[in-house]
Amino acid sequence: MSSLRHMRGARVRAPRRFPYHRRMRRPLRLLVPLGVVAVAVLAAIAVLPRRAPPPRPAAPAAGAVDTGGDVVARALDLARGDSVRLRELWVDDVPDLDLAALSSGPRAIFLRIANGRRCDCGCGYTLAGCRRFDPTCPVSGPRAQALLDSVRDGRIAHADGFTQPPAGR
């Protein structure tokens, strides 16, 4: 009985339900300071004043000669814009083709399709533009002639989906 009395006064520990809680303290001890540091860094970034971009240099005055920099690269950049505009020009007359023999309806159909299709030679021009600016092209000549024959024979009767001529033409 003495042993029972001894057990009555002793504290009995219940079995642990979550035996991993001691191991979880280590990652929390690491993650909490990292979270505090991250919040502090984000707050510092938000509070710091933003730097303005550096000012752009002033454009040279009209008529001024610029001798510095890569003049060739700038000239090519300027020419690239012009060549794109040139390749998109509407062409009303196609060399080596007798468009005057067509009435106004078939002529308009031919011009819409020829100005709406690209030449396959790789020049970037439309079919009509390639014939106009490079009459020696071996690709655009037969294609333009075949298109003209198809329109003249009535095999192509409309140009739906192709570009409209610019206003005033």
C-alpha atoms as a PDB file:
ATOM      1  CA  MET A   1       0.000   0.000   0.000  1.00  0.00           C
ATOM      2  CA  SER A   2       2.807   2.272   0.617  1.00  0.00           C
ATOM      3  CA  SER A   3       3.621   2.165  -3.025  1.00  0.00           C
ATOM      4  CA  LEU A   4       0.061   3.144  -3.869  1.00  0.00           C
ATOM      5  CA  ARG A   5       0.265   6.125  -1.584  1.00  0.00           C
ATOM      6  CA  HIS A   6       3.417   7.142  -3.198  1.00  0.00           C
ATOM      7  CA  MET A   7       1.750   7.014  -6.595  1.00  0.00           C
ATOM      8  CA  ARG A   8      -1.234   8.994  -5.464  1.00  0.00           C
ATOM      9  CA  GLY A   9       0.829  12.023  -4.682  1.00  0.00           C
ATOM     10  CA  ALA A  10       2.994  11.786  -7.777  1.00  0.00           C
ATOM     11  CA  ARG A  11       2.132  13.653 -10.890  1.00  0.00           C
ATOM     12  CA  VAL A  12       1.332  11.453 -13.781  1.00  0.00           C
ATOM     13  CA  ARG A  13       2.235  12.813 -17.143  1.00  0.00           C
ATOM     14  CA  ALA A  14      -0.114  12.289 -20.014  1.00  0.00           C
ATOM     15  CA  PRO A  15       1.389  10.983 -23.230  1.00  0.00           C
ATOM     16  CA  ARG A  16       2.329  13.735 -25.657  1.00  0.00           C
ATOM     17  CA  ARG A  17      -0.022  14.224 -28.534  1.00  0.00           C
ATOM     18  CA  PHE A  18       2.384  16.155 -30.695  1.00  0.00           C
ATOM     19  CA  PRO A  19       5.854  14.779 -30.156  1.00  0.00           C
ATOM     20  CA  TYR A  20       7.353  16.971 -32.901  1.00  0.00           C
ATOM     21  CA  HIS A  21       6.674  20.329 -31.245  1.00  0.00           C
ATOM     22  CA  ARG A  22      10.210  20.639 -29.892  1.00  0.00           C
ATOM     23  CA  ARG A  23      11.677  20.115 -33.337  1.00  0.00           C
ATOM     24  CA  MET A  24       9.371  22.771 -34.750  1.00  0.00           C
ATOM     25  CA  ARG A  25      10.896  25.450 -32.572  1.00  0.00           C
ATOM     26  CA  ARG A  26      14.159  25.498 -34.504  1.00  0.00           C
ATOM     27  CA  PRO A  27      12.655  26.451 -37.893  1.00  0.00           C
ATOM     28  CA  LEU A  28      10.458  29.044 -36.199  1.00  0.00           C
ATOM     29  CA  ARG A  29      13.501  30.533 -34.521  1.00  0.00           C
ATOM     30  CA  LEU A  30      15.003  30.914 -37.983  1.00  0.00           C
ATOM     31  CA  LEU A  31      11.930  31.966 -39.952  1.00  0.00           C
ATOM     32  CA  VAL A  32      10.708  34.692 -37.601  1.00  0.00           C
ATOM     33  CA  PRO A  33      13.916  36.808 -37.805  1.00  0.00           C
ATOM     34  CA  LEU A  34      14.026  36.286 -41.585  1.00  0.00           C
ATOM     35  CA  GLY A  35      10.441  37.533 -41.863  1.00  0.00           C
ATOM     36  CA  VAL A  36      11.269  40.593 -39.763  1.00  0.00           C
ATOM     37  CA  VAL A  37      14.291  41.354 -41.950  1.00  0.00           C
ATOM     38  CA  ALA A  38      12.201  40.952 -45.129  1.00  0.00           C
ATOM     39  CA  VAL A  39       9.547  43.355 -43.839  1.00  0.00           C
ATOM     40  CA  ALA A  40      12.244  45.858 -42.871  1.00  0.00           C
ATOM     41  CA  VAL A  41      13.846  45.693 -46.339  1.00  0.00           C
ATOM     42  CA  LEU A  42      10.496  46.148 -48.097  1.00  0.00           C
ATOM     43  CA  ALA A  43       9.661  49.105 -45.844  1.00  0.00           C
ATOM     44  CA  ALA A  44      13.031  50.696 -46.612  1.00  0.00           C
ATOM     45  CA  ILE A  45      12.489  50.282 -50.339  1.00  0.00           C
ATOM     46  CA  ALA A  46       9.041  51.844 -50.100  1.00  0.00           C
ATOM     47  CA  VAL A  47      10.256  54.795 -48.032  1.00  0.00           C
ATOM     48  CA  LEU A  48      13.399  55.637 -50.021  1.00  0.00           C
ATOM     49  CA  PRO A  49      12.856  58.393 -52.591  1.00  0.00           C
ATOM     50  CA  ARG A  50      12.816  57.287 -56.193  1.00  0.00           C
ATOM     51  CA  ARG A  51      15.582  58.552 -58.413  1.00  0.00           C
ATOM     52  CA  ALA A  52      14.538  60.495 -61.482  1.00  0.00           C
ATOM     53  CA  PRO A  53      15.920  59.278 -64.824  1.00  0.00           C
ATOM     54  CA  PRO A  54      18.870  61.268 -66.118  1.00  0.00           C
ATOM     55  CA  PRO A  55      17.910  64.196 -68.341  1.00  0.00           C
ATOM     56  CA  ARG A  56      18.030  63.634 -72.080  1.00  0.00           C
ATOM     57  CA  PRO A  57      20.538  65.635 -74.044  1.00  0.00           C
ATOM     58  CA  ALA A  58      19.048  68.516 -75.965  1.00  0.00           C
ATOM     59  CA  ALA A  59      18.425  68.004 -79.667  1.00  0.00           C
ATOM     60  CA  PRO A  60      20.928  69.766 -81.903  1.00  0.00           C
ATOM     61  CA  ALA A  61      19.773  73.017 -83.413  1.00  0.00           C
ATOM     62  CA  ALA A  62      18.513  73.025 -86.977  1.00  0.00           C
ATOM     63  CA  GLY A  63      21.372  73.182 -89.433  1.00  0.00           C
ATOM     64  CA  ALA A  64      23.942  72.091 -86.864  1.00  0.00           C
ATOM     65  CA  VAL A  65      26.411  69.472 -88.045  1.00  0.00           C
ATOM     66  CA  ASP A  66      26.859  66.499 -85.747  1.00  0.00           C
ATOM     67  CA  THR A  67      30.276  64.968 -86.150  1.00  0.00           C
ATOM     68  CA  GLY A  68      30.126  62.559 -83.206  1.00  0.00           C
ATOM     69  CA  GLY A  69      28.502  59.195 -82.753  1.00  0.00           C
ATOM     70  CA  ASP A  70      27.814  56.525 -85.290  1.00  0.00           C
ATOM     71  CA  VAL A  71      26.515  58.533 -88.213  1.00  0.00           C
ATOM     72  CA  VAL A  72      26.065  55.476 -90.414  1.00  0.00           C
ATOM     73  CA  ALA A  73      23.869  53.694 -87.847  1.00  0.00           C
ATOM     74  CA  ARG A  74      21.664  56.763 -87.458  1.00  0.00           C
ATOM     75  CA  ALA A  75      21.373  57.146 -91.237  1.00  0.00           C
ATOM     76  CA  LEU A  76      20.345  53.499 -91.534  1.00  0.00           C
ATOM     77  CA  ASP A  77      17.718  53.997 -88.829  1.00  0.00           C
ATOM     78  CA  LEU A  78      16.316  56.973 -90.708  1.00  0.00           C
ATOM     79  CA  ALA A  79      16.371  55.078 -94.018  1.00  0.00           C
ATOM     80  CA  ARG A  80      14.624  52.069 -92.467  1.00  0.00           C
ATOM     81  CA  GLY A  81      11.562  54.171 -91.732  1.00  0.00           C
ATOM     82  CA  ASP A  82      11.562  55.534 -95.267  1.00  0.00           C
ATOM     83  CA  SER A  83      11.980  52.102 -96.844  1.00  0.00           C
ATOM     84  CA  VAL A  84       9.024  50.712 -94.888  1.00  0.00           C
ATOM     85  CA  ARG A  85       6.896  53.608 -96.075  1.00  0.00           C
ATOM     86  CA  LEU A  86       8.206  53.103 -99.625  1.00  0.00           C
ATOM     87  CA  ARG A  87       7.331  49.392 -99.541  1.00  0.00           C
ATOM     88  CA  GLU A  88       3.783  50.209 -98.458  1.00  0.00           C
ATOM     89  CA  LEU A  89       3.179  52.788-101.211  1.00  0.00           C
ATOM     90  CA  TRP A  90       0.155  52.299-103.419  1.00  0.00           C
ATOM     91  CA  VAL A  91       1.227  51.729-107.021  1.00  0.00           C
ATOM     92  CA  ASP A  92      -1.175  52.729-109.813  1.00  0.00           C
ATOM     93  CA  ASP A  93       0.993  51.869-112.785  1.00  0.00           C
ATOM     94  CA  VAL A  94       2.811  48.563-113.174  1.00  0.00           C
ATOM     95  CA  PRO A  95       5.571  48.535-115.796  1.00  0.00           C
ATOM     96  CA  ASP A  96       5.512  45.878-118.536  1.00  0.00           C
ATOM     97  CA  LEU A  97       1.756  45.271-118.074  1.00  0.00           C
ATOM     98  CA  ASP A  98      -0.938  46.780-120.257  1.00  0.00           C
ATOM     99  CA  LEU A  99      -3.389  48.007-117.626  1.00  0.00           C
ATOM    100  CA  ALA A 100      -4.943  50.478-120.077  1.00  0.00           C
ATOM    101  CA  ALA A 101      -6.565  47.545-121.891  1.00  0.00           C
ATOM    102  CA  LEU A 102      -8.642  46.793-118.773  1.00  0.00           C
ATOM    103  CA  SER A 103     -11.829  48.660-117.987  1.00  0.00           C
ATOM    104  CA  SER A 104     -12.040  50.548-114.684  1.00  0.00           C
ATOM    105  CA  GLY A 105     -13.625  47.667-112.690  1.00  0.00           C
ATOM    106  CA  PRO A 106     -11.106  44.928-113.539  1.00  0.00           C
ATOM    107  CA  ARG A 107      -8.270  47.466-113.316  1.00  0.00           C
ATOM    108  CA  ALA A 108      -9.316  48.372-109.758  1.00  0.00           C
ATOM    109  CA  ILE A 109      -9.516  44.665-108.851  1.00  0.00           C
ATOM    110  CA  PHE A 110      -6.042  44.039-110.289  1.00  0.00           C
ATOM    111  CA  LEU A 111      -4.538  47.021-108.456  1.00  0.00           C
ATOM    112  CA  ARG A 112      -6.139  46.081-105.117  1.00  0.00           C
ATOM    113  CA  ILE A 113      -4.801  42.527-105.311  1.00  0.00           C
ATOM    114  CA  ALA A 114      -1.365  43.528-106.665  1.00  0.00           C
ATOM    115  CA  ASN A 115      -1.016  46.161-103.925  1.00  0.00           C
ATOM    116  CA  GLY A 116      -2.289  43.748-101.276  1.00  0.00           C
ATOM    117  CA  ARG A 117      -0.081  40.727-101.961  1.00  0.00           C
ATOM    118  CA  ARG A 118       3.600  40.543-101.100  1.00  0.00           C
ATOM    119  CA  CYS A 119       6.206  39.503-103.617  1.00  0.00           C
ATOM    120  CA  ASP A 120       7.823  36.150-102.831  1.00  0.00           C
ATOM    121  CA  CYS A 121      11.333  37.203-103.855  1.00  0.00           C
ATOM    122  CA  GLY A 122      12.090  38.508-100.350  1.00  0.00           C
ATOM    123  CA  CYS A 123      12.257  42.201-101.192  1.00  0.00           C
ATOM    124  CA  GLY A 124       9.392  43.128 -98.854  1.00  0.00           C
ATOM    125  CA  TYR A 125       7.513  45.066-101.528  1.00  0.00           C
ATOM    126  CA  THR A 126       4.000  44.380-102.652  1.00  0.00           C
ATOM    127  CA  LEU A 127       3.657  42.633-105.998  1.00  0.00           C
ATOM    128  CA  ALA A 128       2.923  45.939-107.760  1.00  0.00           C
ATOM    129  CA  GLY A 129       5.705  47.724-105.864  1.00  0.00           C
ATOM    130  CA  CYS A 130       8.267  45.087-106.782  1.00  0.00           C
ATOM    131  CA  ARG A 131       7.329  45.369-110.464  1.00  0.00           C
ATOM    132  CA  ARG A 132       7.635  49.153-110.273  1.00  0.00           C
ATOM    133  CA  PHE A 133      10.868  49.441-108.265  1.00  0.00           C
ATOM    134  CA  ASP A 134      12.579  46.273-109.552  1.00  0.00           C
ATOM    135  CA  PRO A 135      11.334  45.480-113.071  1.00  0.00           C
ATOM    136  CA  THR A 136      14.043  42.822-113.452  1.00  0.00           C
ATOM    137  CA  CYS A 137      12.664  40.663-110.611  1.00  0.00           C
ATOM    138  CA  PRO A 138      12.213  37.100-111.914  1.00  0.00           C
ATOM    139  CA  VAL A 139       9.466  36.341-109.359  1.00  0.00           C
ATOM    140  CA  SER A 140       7.103  39.300-109.564  1.00  0.00           C
ATOM    141  CA  GLY A 141       6.968  39.420-113.391  1.00  0.00           C
ATOM    142  CA  PRO A 142       5.268  36.033-113.943  1.00  0.00           C
ATOM    143  CA  ARG A 143       3.044  36.432-110.882  1.00  0.00           C
ATOM    144  CA  ALA A 144       1.824  39.878-111.972  1.00  0.00           C
ATOM    145  CA  GLN A 145       1.223  38.625-115.519  1.00  0.00           C
ATOM    146  CA  ALA A 146      -0.746  35.605-114.213  1.00  0.00           C
ATOM    147  CA  LEU A 147      -2.828  37.911-111.995  1.00  0.00           C
ATOM    148  CA  LEU A 148      -3.518  40.229-114.939  1.00  0.00           C
ATOM    149  CA  ASP A 149      -4.569  37.283-117.127  1.00  0.00           C
ATOM    150  CA  SER A 150      -6.880  35.944-114.400  1.00  0.00           C
ATOM    151  CA  VAL A 151      -8.557  39.313-113.927  1.00  0.00           C
ATOM    152  CA  ARG A 152      -8.848  39.891-117.701  1.00  0.00           C
ATOM    153  CA  ASP A 153     -10.397  36.426-118.249  1.00  0.00           C
ATOM    154  CA  GLY A 154     -12.869  36.933-115.406  1.00  0.00           C
ATOM    155  CA  ARG A 155     -11.503  34.136-113.182  1.00  0.00           C
ATOM    156  CA  ILE A 156     -11.022  36.753-110.455  1.00  0.00           C
ATOM    157  CA  ALA A 157     -14.124  38.911-110.211  1.00  0.00           C
ATOM    158  CA  HIS A 158     -13.704  40.639-106.845  1.00  0.00           C
ATOM    159  CA  ALA A 159     -10.958  41.743-104.469  1.00  0.00           C
ATOM    160  CA  ASP A 160     -12.689  41.294-101.124  1.00  0.00           C
ATOM    161  CA  GLY A 161     -10.237  41.281 -98.229  1.00  0.00           C
ATOM    162  CA  PHE A 162      -7.536  43.253-100.036  1.00  0.00           C
ATOM    163  CA  THR A 163      -6.508  46.805 -99.252  1.00  0.00           C
ATOM    164  CA  GLN A 164      -8.530  49.724-100.529  1.00  0.00           C
ATOM    165  CA  PRO A 165      -6.733  52.408-102.539  1.00  0.00           C
ATOM    166  CA  PRO A 166      -5.809  55.511-100.533  1.00  0.00           C
ATOM    167  CA  ALA A 167      -8.309  58.357-100.528  1.00  0.00           C
ATOM    168  CA  GLY A 168      -8.106  60.547-103.615  1.00  0.00           C
ATOM    169  CA  ARG A 169      -7.082  57.782-106.036  1.00  0.00           C
END
